[in-house]
Amino acid sequence: MKTLLLNPPSFENFDGGAGSRWPARREITSFWYPVWLAYPAGMIKESRLLDASPHGVTPADTIQIAKDYELIVLFTSTPGFENDIRLAEAIKDVNPHAKIGFVGPHPSVQPEETLRASTAIDFLARREFDYSVTEYAQGRRIEEIEGISYRKNGGIVHNPDRPPLTDLDSLPFAVDIYKRDLDITRYTVPFLLHPFVAFYSSRGCPAMCSFCLWPQTFSGHRWRTRGSASVAAEVSRAFELFPGLKEVFFDDDTFAWGKSRVLDICAHLKPLKRTWSCTCRVHADYDMLKAMKEAGCRLLIVGFESGDPEILKNIRKGATVEQAHTFMKNCKRLGLAVHGDFIVGLPGETPESILRTIQFAEQLDSETIQVSIAHPYPGTGFDEYVRANAYLTDDDMSDELGHQLPNVEYPRLSRQEIVEAVEYFYGRYYFRPRIIFRIVRKALFDRTERARLYKQAREYFQLRARRKIFARTKKHA
């Protein structure tokens, strides 16, 4: 079947689908690659990967493009689900014979609700869908495809689960599909070099963080890895395909997990003399970090989450404040940049714990930070917690533009205070003389970086103004 693998324009500039672990429109425009859709796109002969938002493709454009396809596989998210339903229905209106399948964490954990939401959805593929949608496109009977849910005789049928894929080396290279279907200059993440490409060297994460979307709903906790030679080959392939490429990002749930495996990959990457960055946890020791640096690693994305020890225990982070300090000392000693992720509104959060986290972030002093609003996605332990304790509100988790809004409220922390805390966190962290000097110094010697920083600052202050309006409205409500 002629197949469209679609990362939809749920909102304008929305980074919400097949590569984003925190679906939302960012404070500063960011786009991650739709890696999950790239694999079946590489296995289905007549296919196209359409990543709408980064390429400026509107819902109206998408509907027109979809007219030419027999199968549309749409990667949806919880914040964008209602808009994606409307898009699917509009596609059906102009192409009634097309089959539409939904994939992603949201339909994986809520298959019944997803199929009942609209008759425009013909089926969904639960969890890892590489071979499920490929088999569907190749004409296999739907009753025989593992991991598929669909309607039959007025009811809903759930075929047996598809086991997690273990032979990751059997998948095509994502970068070949990027070359065929995407414009890599459209992908920008503020702390990564531009242009970059991203793909996976592993799937799954053994960590048990209660808030984390992907391992609990989609990729699982079973850690499965590609061979080091295959990873190095795709890195080489990426730089061959894209001569102006600045770096590769390993967008694994957690790249730096098993030490022996990381050392083996580094041994394969070092001779390539290429720049790369990756996800990491604070348990990575000095020897592992040193090997990564020597193999070309530039930056690590690290989820510190909170500086409050009780909150780290509450979310089953499996890491301590002390480990984070040791980790950052090692990174600075080796010259590894760190982008630190923090979350406001996790279980046990109070105004005092937020202040401890801000002080913790200032002590760590990572190159850049991201401060997210805690969202209890369906299928996560965090969602179970807020429902059991009646902390979940009836509010949407995003505004009409796709920006994050809180939908939890605690006895000592309101939605308004969560939003105010995020803005206070950013302001206190970035408006320090040392950080301002760091940013200005980078812009002075790089014209492209200067233009990018100006655009980012403008976008951030626009969102900051919107959040202040939200906080004022709630205060007077």
Protein backbone atom coordinates (compact mmCIF):
# COMPACT_ATOMS: atom_id res chain seq x y z
CA MET A 1 0.00 0.00 0.00
CA LYS A 2 1.16 3.50 -0.72
CA THR A 3 1.87 4.71 2.81
CA LEU A 4 2.23 8.10 4.49
CA LEU A 5 4.06 8.00 7.84
CA LEU A 6 2.78 11.19 9.44
CA ASN A 7 4.06 13.26 12.34
CA PRO A 8 1.06 15.62 12.35
CA PRO A 9 0.82 19.40 12.79
CA SER A 10 -1.12 19.05 16.05
CA PHE A 11 -0.28 22.68 16.83
CA GLU A 12 1.91 25.15 14.98
CA ASN A 13 5.59 24.52 15.83
CA PHE A 14 4.54 21.58 18.01
CA ASP A 15 7.26 19.06 18.82
CA GLY A 16 4.87 16.44 20.04
CA GLY A 17 5.22 13.18 18.24
CA ALA A 18 7.58 10.54 17.03
CA GLY A 19 10.74 11.57 18.81
CA SER A 20 9.72 13.87 21.64
CA ARG A 21 9.58 12.41 25.14
CA TRP A 22 7.88 15.52 26.52
CA PRO A 23 5.25 16.42 23.89
CA ALA A 24 4.75 20.18 23.86
CA ARG A 25 5.51 23.36 22.04
CA ARG A 26 8.76 24.55 23.60
CA GLU A 27 9.62 27.89 25.15
CA ILE A 28 12.07 28.17 22.26
CA THR A 29 11.22 26.46 18.98
CA SER A 30 12.75 22.99 19.00
CA PHE A 31 12.22 20.03 16.74
CA TRP A 32 13.37 16.48 17.40
CA TYR A 33 13.51 13.94 14.61
CA PRO A 34 10.57 11.55 14.10
CA VAL A 35 12.87 8.56 14.55
CA TRP A 36 10.13 6.01 15.26
CA LEU A 37 8.40 6.69 11.96
CA ALA A 38 11.66 6.47 10.02
CA TYR A 39 12.05 2.71 10.53
CA PRO A 40 8.80 1.53 8.89
CA ALA A 41 9.30 4.25 6.27
CA GLY A 42 12.52 2.45 5.39
CA MET A 43 10.80 -0.95 5.19
CA ILE A 44 7.66 -0.03 3.25
CA LYS A 45 8.44 0.19 -0.45
CA GLU A 46 5.98 2.95 -1.40
CA SER A 47 6.25 5.27 1.54
CA ARG A 48 6.87 8.85 2.56
CA LEU A 49 7.75 10.24 5.98
CA LEU A 50 6.02 13.59 6.46
CA ASP A 51 7.14 15.57 9.51
CA ALA A 52 4.69 18.43 9.24
CA SER A 53 5.58 21.02 11.89
CA PRO A 54 9.31 21.49 11.19
CA HIS A 55 8.63 21.78 7.47
CA GLY A 56 5.84 24.35 7.82
CA VAL A 57 3.19 21.93 6.53
CA THR A 58 -0.22 23.06 7.76
CA PRO A 59 -3.25 20.85 8.49
CA ALA A 60 -4.76 21.96 5.16
CA ASP A 61 -1.51 21.04 3.36
CA THR A 62 -1.45 17.69 5.13
CA ILE A 63 -4.99 16.86 4.04
CA GLN A 64 -4.12 17.55 0.42
CA ILE A 65 -0.96 15.44 0.61
CA ALA A 66 -2.85 12.55 2.25
CA LYS A 67 -5.29 12.39 -0.69
CA ASP A 68 -2.65 10.45 -2.64
CA TYR A 69 -2.11 7.65 -0.08
CA GLU A 70 -3.84 4.37 0.69
CA LEU A 71 -2.53 4.12 4.25
CA ILE A 72 -1.83 6.95 6.70
CA VAL A 73 0.03 6.06 9.91
CA LEU A 74 -0.28 8.96 12.34
CA PHE A 75 1.89 9.30 15.46
CA THR A 76 -0.29 11.01 18.05
CA SER A 77 0.31 12.40 21.55
CA THR A 78 -1.88 13.09 24.56
CA PRO A 79 -1.77 16.92 24.22
CA GLY A 80 -2.36 16.78 20.46
CA PHE A 81 -4.87 13.91 20.37
CA GLU A 82 -8.06 15.94 19.88
CA ASN A 83 -6.52 17.96 17.03
CA ASP A 84 -5.14 14.78 15.47
CA ILE A 85 -8.62 13.23 15.55
CA ARG A 86 -10.01 16.23 13.66
CA LEU A 87 -7.19 15.94 11.12
CA ALA A 88 -7.87 12.23 10.59
CA GLU A 89 -11.57 12.92 10.05
CA ALA A 90 -10.76 15.65 7.51
CA ILE A 91 -8.45 13.25 5.67
CA LYS A 92 -11.24 10.66 5.56
CA ASP A 93 -13.61 13.25 4.09
CA VAL A 94 -11.36 13.77 1.06
CA ASN A 95 -9.94 10.23 0.89
CA PRO A 96 -12.68 7.93 2.27
CA HIS A 97 -11.03 4.71 1.06
CA ALA A 98 -7.75 5.37 2.88
CA LYS A 99 -6.95 3.39 6.00
CA ILE A 100 -5.79 5.41 9.00
CA GLY A 101 -3.79 3.92 11.85
CA PHE A 102 -2.74 5.70 15.03
CA VAL A 103 0.51 4.90 16.84
CA GLY A 104 2.41 6.29 19.84
CA PRO A 105 2.27 6.11 23.65
CA HIS A 106 -1.27 7.52 23.92
CA PRO A 107 -3.04 4.85 21.82
CA SER A 108 -0.72 2.18 23.23
CA VAL A 109 -2.05 2.64 26.78
CA GLN A 110 -5.59 3.67 25.82
CA PRO A 111 -6.48 1.52 22.81
CA GLU A 112 -10.20 1.26 23.59
CA GLU A 113 -10.60 4.99 24.16
CA THR A 114 -8.58 5.80 21.05
CA LEU A 115 -10.66 3.67 18.71
CA ARG A 116 -13.92 4.85 20.23
CA ALA A 117 -12.88 8.49 19.81
CA SER A 118 -13.55 8.44 16.06
CA THR A 119 -14.55 6.05 13.30
CA ALA A 120 -11.89 7.74 11.17
CA ILE A 121 -9.33 5.57 12.99
CA ASP A 122 -9.34 2.13 11.35
CA PHE A 123 -6.75 0.54 13.63
CA LEU A 124 -3.91 1.30 15.99
CA ALA A 125 -0.57 -0.36 16.62
CA ARG A 126 0.40 -0.68 20.26
CA ARG A 127 3.92 0.13 21.50
CA GLU A 128 6.75 -0.58 19.01
CA PHE A 129 5.04 -0.56 15.65
CA ASP A 130 7.92 -1.01 13.18
CA TYR A 131 6.78 -4.38 11.86
CA SER A 132 3.08 -4.06 12.76
CA VAL A 133 2.43 -1.22 10.33
CA THR A 134 4.88 -2.65 7.79
CA GLU A 135 2.96 -5.93 7.72
CA TYR A 136 -0.32 -4.03 7.40
CA ALA A 137 1.05 -2.03 4.46
CA GLN A 138 2.27 -5.23 2.84
CA GLY A 139 -1.24 -6.66 2.91
CA ARG A 140 -1.10 -9.16 5.74
CA ARG A 141 -4.50 -10.01 7.20
CA ILE A 142 -5.18 -7.76 10.18
CA GLU A 143 -6.17 -10.74 12.33
CA GLU A 144 -2.62 -12.08 11.97
CA ILE A 145 -0.70 -8.93 12.91
CA GLU A 146 0.62 -8.81 16.47
CA GLY A 147 0.18 -5.61 18.45
CA ILE A 148 -2.82 -4.37 16.45
CA SER A 149 -6.19 -3.21 17.83
CA TYR A 150 -9.17 -2.70 15.51
CA ARG A 151 -12.95 -2.79 15.20
CA LYS A 152 -14.86 -5.91 14.22
CA ASN A 153 -18.60 -6.62 14.24
CA GLY A 154 -19.34 -3.63 16.42
CA GLY A 155 -16.68 -4.49 18.99
CA ILE A 156 -12.95 -3.90 19.43
CA VAL A 157 -10.37 -6.63 18.99
CA HIS A 158 -6.91 -6.53 20.55
CA ASN A 159 -4.50 -8.92 18.87
CA PRO A 160 -1.78 -10.44 21.08
CA ASP A 161 1.07 -8.09 22.03
CA ARG A 162 4.08 -7.98 19.77
CA PRO A 163 7.25 -8.89 21.72
CA PRO A 164 9.79 -6.06 22.00
CA LEU A 165 12.16 -6.03 19.07
CA THR A 166 15.55 -7.42 20.04
CA ASP A 167 17.40 -7.45 16.70
CA LEU A 168 17.74 -3.70 16.32
CA ASP A 169 20.48 -4.15 13.73
CA SER A 170 17.82 -5.55 11.37
CA LEU A 171 16.23 -2.12 11.06
CA PRO A 172 17.17 0.27 8.25
CA PHE A 173 19.27 3.35 8.97
CA ALA A 174 17.07 6.27 9.97
CA VAL A 175 19.47 8.72 8.30
CA ASP A 176 18.73 7.24 4.86
CA ILE A 177 15.07 8.19 5.32
CA TYR A 178 16.04 11.64 6.57
CA LYS A 179 17.99 12.14 3.36
CA ARG A 180 15.04 10.98 1.25
CA ASP A 181 12.18 12.80 2.99
CA LEU A 182 13.39 15.50 5.40
CA ASP A 183 15.30 18.78 5.36
CA ILE A 184 17.77 18.52 8.24
CA THR A 185 18.23 22.28 8.39
CA ARG A 186 14.66 22.45 9.74
CA TYR A 187 15.64 20.62 12.92
CA THR A 188 16.93 22.81 15.68
CA VAL A 189 17.48 22.25 19.38
CA PRO A 190 18.98 25.22 21.25
CA PHE A 191 21.79 23.29 22.95
CA LEU A 192 22.77 21.10 19.98
CA LEU A 193 24.97 22.15 17.08
CA HIS A 194 23.14 23.02 13.89
CA PRO A 195 22.53 21.10 11.75
CA PHE A 196 22.39 17.81 13.62
CA VAL A 197 20.75 14.43 13.11
CA ALA A 198 19.41 12.11 15.80
CA PHE A 199 18.76 8.39 15.98
CA TYR A 200 18.84 5.52 18.49
CA SER A 201 21.62 3.17 19.52
CA SER A 202 19.32 1.32 21.94
CA ARG A 203 15.72 1.00 23.06
CA GLY A 204 14.17 0.80 26.48
CA CYS A 205 15.38 2.02 29.85
CA PRO A 206 15.88 -0.11 32.99
CA ALA A 207 15.36 2.94 35.23
CA MET A 208 11.99 3.11 36.99
CA CYS A 209 11.28 6.87 37.04
CA SER A 210 7.55 7.19 37.69
CA PHE A 211 7.02 10.29 35.53
CA CYS A 212 8.89 9.18 32.40
CA LEU A 213 6.60 8.61 29.43
CA TRP A 214 8.47 6.33 27.05
CA PRO A 215 9.69 3.32 29.07
CA GLN A 216 6.36 2.99 30.90
CA THR A 217 4.11 3.28 27.87
CA PHE A 218 6.07 2.56 24.72
CA SER A 219 9.67 1.37 24.58
CA GLY A 220 9.62 -0.61 27.85
CA HIS A 221 12.12 -1.17 30.61
CA ARG A 222 13.94 -4.00 28.82
CA TRP A 223 17.18 -2.52 27.51
CA ARG A 224 18.01 -3.65 23.97
CA THR A 225 21.07 -2.47 22.11
CA ARG A 226 22.41 -2.22 18.59
CA GLY A 227 25.83 -3.57 17.80
CA SER A 228 28.63 -1.02 18.15
CA ALA A 229 29.70 -1.57 14.54
CA SER A 230 26.17 -0.80 13.32
CA VAL A 231 26.03 2.40 15.38
CA ALA A 232 29.41 3.56 14.08
CA ALA A 233 28.36 2.71 10.52
CA GLU A 234 25.26 4.90 10.79
CA VAL A 235 27.33 7.77 12.19
CA SER A 236 29.66 7.49 9.19
CA ARG A 237 26.69 7.25 6.86
CA ALA A 238 25.17 10.42 8.35
CA PHE A 239 28.28 12.49 7.69
CA GLU A 240 28.48 11.07 4.13
CA LEU A 241 24.87 11.97 3.39
CA PHE A 242 25.00 15.44 4.94
CA PRO A 243 28.33 17.21 4.24
CA GLY A 244 27.46 20.20 6.46
CA LEU A 245 26.46 18.07 9.44
CA LYS A 246 27.84 19.36 12.76
CA GLU A 247 26.98 16.50 15.11
CA VAL A 248 25.03 13.29 15.72
CA PHE A 249 22.78 12.98 18.74
CA PHE A 250 22.04 9.56 20.27
CA ASP A 251 18.43 10.05 21.32
CA ASP A 252 18.16 6.85 23.37
CA ASP A 253 16.03 6.69 26.51
CA THR A 254 19.44 6.48 28.18
CA PHE A 255 22.56 6.08 26.04
CA ALA A 256 25.14 5.83 28.83
CA TRP A 257 23.74 2.91 30.83
CA GLY A 258 25.97 -0.17 30.72
CA LYS A 259 29.62 0.77 31.15
CA SER A 260 31.11 -2.07 29.09
CA ARG A 261 28.74 -1.35 26.24
CA VAL A 262 29.51 2.40 26.30
CA LEU A 263 33.25 1.70 26.25
CA ASP A 264 32.81 -0.64 23.28
CA ILE A 265 30.82 1.95 21.31
CA CYS A 266 33.45 4.58 22.13
CA ALA A 267 36.15 2.28 20.78
CA HIS A 268 34.24 2.14 17.48
CA LEU A 269 33.46 5.87 17.37
CA LYS A 270 36.89 7.21 18.31
CA PRO A 271 38.57 6.44 14.95
CA LEU A 272 35.81 8.32 13.13
CA LYS A 273 36.85 11.63 14.74
CA ARG A 274 33.28 12.93 14.63
CA THR A 275 31.33 15.06 17.11
CA TRP A 276 28.37 13.54 18.90
CA SER A 277 26.18 14.08 21.96
CA CYS A 278 23.84 11.83 23.91
CA THR A 279 21.52 11.25 26.86
CA CYS A 280 23.12 10.25 30.15
CA ARG A 281 22.45 9.55 33.83
CA VAL A 282 24.45 10.74 36.82
CA HIS A 283 25.66 7.21 37.58
CA ALA A 284 28.16 7.47 34.69
CA ASP A 285 31.59 7.37 36.33
CA TYR A 286 34.77 9.25 35.43
CA ASP A 287 36.23 6.45 33.28
CA MET A 288 33.06 6.18 31.22
CA LEU A 289 32.86 9.93 30.73
CA LYS A 290 36.54 10.11 29.82
CA ALA A 291 36.11 7.43 27.15
CA MET A 292 33.12 9.29 25.74
CA LYS A 293 35.00 12.58 25.60
CA GLU A 294 37.96 10.97 23.84
CA ALA A 295 35.60 9.37 21.31
CA GLY A 296 34.14 12.74 20.28
CA CYS A 297 31.33 13.32 22.77
CA ARG A 298 30.55 17.03 23.21
CA LEU A 299 27.40 17.30 25.33
CA LEU A 300 25.23 15.21 27.63
CA ILE A 301 21.52 15.66 28.32
CA VAL A 302 20.95 14.71 31.95
CA GLY A 303 17.68 14.49 33.86
CA PHE A 304 18.49 15.91 37.29
CA GLU A 305 14.74 16.56 37.82
CA SER A 306 14.88 17.84 41.43
CA GLY A 307 17.30 18.93 44.11
CA ASP A 308 15.05 17.62 46.87
CA PRO A 309 16.09 14.11 48.08
CA GLU A 310 12.52 13.18 49.06
CA ILE A 311 11.16 14.01 45.62
CA LEU A 312 13.91 11.93 43.99
CA LYS A 313 12.75 9.03 46.16
CA ASN A 314 9.10 9.71 45.39
CA ILE A 315 9.69 9.46 41.65
CA ARG A 316 11.95 6.40 41.95
CA LYS A 317 14.76 8.24 40.20
CA GLY A 318 17.45 5.88 41.46
CA ALA A 319 19.89 8.76 41.81
CA THR A 320 20.96 11.15 44.55
CA VAL A 321 21.87 14.80 44.84
CA GLU A 322 25.40 13.75 45.85
CA GLN A 323 25.81 11.64 42.70
CA ALA A 324 24.74 14.61 40.61
CA HIS A 325 27.41 16.86 42.16
CA THR A 326 30.13 14.25 41.58
CA PHE A 327 28.96 13.73 38.01
CA MET A 328 29.08 17.45 37.22
CA LYS A 329 32.55 17.81 38.72
CA ASN A 330 33.76 15.03 36.44
CA CYS A 331 32.10 16.56 33.37
CA LYS A 332 33.68 19.95 34.03
CA ARG A 333 37.06 18.37 34.61
CA LEU A 334 36.80 16.60 31.24
CA GLY A 335 35.31 19.53 29.33
CA LEU A 336 31.96 17.85 28.64
CA ALA A 337 29.05 20.27 28.29
CA VAL A 338 25.83 19.35 30.11
CA HIS A 339 22.23 20.29 29.41
CA GLY A 340 20.32 19.79 32.67
CA ASP A 341 16.63 18.88 32.76
CA PHE A 342 14.52 19.86 35.76
CA ILE A 343 10.82 19.40 36.50
CA VAL A 344 8.47 21.45 38.66
CA GLY A 345 5.38 19.80 40.15
CA LEU A 346 6.49 16.25 40.87
CA PRO A 347 5.00 14.25 43.79
CA GLY A 348 5.79 15.96 47.09
CA GLU A 349 6.53 19.34 45.52
CA THR A 350 6.24 22.42 47.73
CA PRO A 351 7.47 26.01 47.43
CA GLU A 352 10.43 25.00 49.63
CA SER A 353 11.39 22.02 47.47
CA ILE A 354 11.28 24.19 44.35
CA LEU A 355 13.69 26.63 45.96
CA ARG A 356 16.01 23.73 46.86
CA THR A 357 15.93 22.59 43.23
CA ILE A 358 16.78 26.06 41.95
CA GLN A 359 19.71 26.30 44.35
CA PHE A 360 20.77 22.79 43.29
CA ALA A 361 20.70 23.82 39.62
CA GLU A 362 22.80 26.90 40.35
CA GLN A 363 25.36 24.79 42.19
CA LEU A 364 25.59 22.30 39.33
CA ASP A 365 25.90 25.18 36.83
CA SER A 366 25.30 23.18 33.66
CA GLU A 367 25.78 24.88 30.31
CA THR A 368 22.02 25.10 29.68
CA ILE A 369 18.84 23.97 31.41
CA GLN A 370 15.26 23.06 30.63
CA VAL A 371 12.53 23.49 33.24
CA SER A 372 9.41 21.48 32.47
CA ILE A 373 6.00 21.35 34.09
CA ALA A 374 5.27 17.89 35.50
CA HIS A 375 2.65 16.09 33.41
CA PRO A 376 0.99 12.84 34.49
CA TYR A 377 0.72 11.07 31.15
CA PRO A 378 -1.73 8.15 30.97
CA GLY A 379 -0.02 4.86 31.70
CA THR A 380 2.65 6.28 34.02
CA GLY A 381 3.12 5.77 37.74
CA PHE A 382 2.84 9.54 38.17
CA ASP A 383 -0.63 9.45 36.62
CA GLU A 384 -1.70 6.69 39.02
CA TYR A 385 -0.36 8.71 41.96
CA VAL A 386 -2.19 11.96 41.19
CA ARG A 387 -5.44 10.11 40.47
CA ALA A 388 -5.24 8.10 43.68
CA ASN A 389 -4.65 11.28 45.70
CA ALA A 390 -7.13 13.48 43.81
CA TYR A 391 -4.39 15.86 42.67
CA LEU A 392 -5.36 15.67 38.98
CA THR A 393 -7.43 18.61 37.74
CA ASP A 394 -9.85 18.77 34.82
CA ASP A 395 -7.59 21.18 32.96
CA ASP A 396 -5.81 20.53 29.67
CA MET A 397 -2.06 19.92 29.83
CA SER A 398 -1.43 22.53 27.14
CA ASP A 399 -2.84 25.85 25.98
CA GLU A 400 -4.38 26.47 22.56
CA LEU A 401 -0.90 26.85 21.06
CA GLY A 402 0.46 23.61 22.52
CA HIS A 403 2.54 25.14 25.33
CA GLN A 404 2.65 23.29 28.64
CA LEU A 405 0.14 24.06 31.37
CA PRO A 406 -0.13 22.18 34.67
CA ASN A 407 -3.05 19.81 35.23
CA VAL A 408 -2.06 18.85 38.78
CA GLU A 409 -2.49 20.80 41.98
CA TYR A 410 -1.19 19.96 45.46
CA PRO A 411 -2.37 21.06 48.92
CA ARG A 412 0.50 23.54 49.15
CA LEU A 413 1.12 24.23 45.47
CA SER A 414 -1.45 25.59 43.01
CA ARG A 415 -1.38 25.53 39.21
CA GLN A 416 -0.65 29.24 39.25
CA GLU A 417 2.33 28.73 41.57
CA ILE A 418 3.72 25.96 39.36
CA VAL A 419 3.70 28.25 36.32
CA GLU A 420 5.20 31.13 38.32
CA ALA A 421 7.90 28.80 39.66
CA VAL A 422 8.98 27.75 36.16
CA GLU A 423 9.42 31.37 35.10
CA TYR A 424 11.20 32.27 38.34
CA PHE A 425 13.50 29.26 37.87
CA TYR A 426 14.49 30.32 34.35
CA GLY A 427 14.93 33.97 35.30
CA ARG A 428 17.03 33.31 38.37
CA TYR A 429 19.24 30.80 36.54
CA TYR A 430 19.89 32.63 33.28
CA PHE A 431 19.96 36.23 34.50
CA ARG A 432 23.14 35.72 36.48
CA PRO A 433 26.19 37.71 35.31
CA ARG A 434 28.26 34.56 34.72
CA ILE A 435 25.59 32.97 32.52
CA ILE A 436 24.90 36.17 30.61
CA PHE A 437 28.62 36.50 29.89
CA ARG A 438 28.74 32.87 28.73
CA ILE A 439 25.90 33.47 26.27
CA VAL A 440 27.19 36.80 25.00
CA ARG A 441 30.71 35.44 24.51
CA LYS A 442 29.36 32.63 22.34
CA ALA A 443 27.31 35.05 20.22
CA LEU A 444 30.15 37.52 19.70
CA PHE A 445 32.29 35.11 17.71
CA ASP A 446 29.61 33.26 15.76
CA ARG A 447 27.28 35.15 13.45
CA THR A 448 24.92 32.20 12.97
CA GLU A 449 24.78 31.58 16.71
CA ARG A 450 24.08 35.27 17.29
CA ALA A 451 21.04 35.17 14.99
CA ARG A 452 19.81 31.97 16.59
CA LEU A 453 20.16 33.38 20.11
CA TYR A 454 18.24 36.51 19.13
CA LYS A 455 15.36 34.41 17.76
CA GLN A 456 15.36 32.21 20.87
CA ALA A 457 15.28 35.21 23.20
CA ARG A 458 12.34 36.73 21.33
CA GLU A 459 10.34 33.48 21.51
CA TYR A 460 11.10 32.97 25.18
CA PHE A 461 9.98 36.45 26.21
CA GLN A 462 6.77 36.05 24.21
CA LEU A 463 5.93 32.87 26.10
CA ARG A 464 7.03 34.43 29.40
CA ALA A 465 4.45 37.19 28.81
CA ARG A 466 1.72 34.58 28.13
CA ARG A 467 2.55 32.73 31.34
CA LYS A 468 2.42 35.91 33.38
CA ILE A 469 -1.06 36.54 32.01
CA PHE A 470 -2.05 32.97 32.97
CA ALA A 471 -0.72 33.46 36.51
CA ARG A 472 -2.52 36.80 36.93
CA THR A 473 -5.77 35.31 35.65
CA LYS A 474 -5.62 32.42 38.10
CA LYS A 475 -4.71 34.72 40.98
CA HIS A 476 -7.85 36.79 40.43
CA ALA A 477 -10.15 33.89 39.53
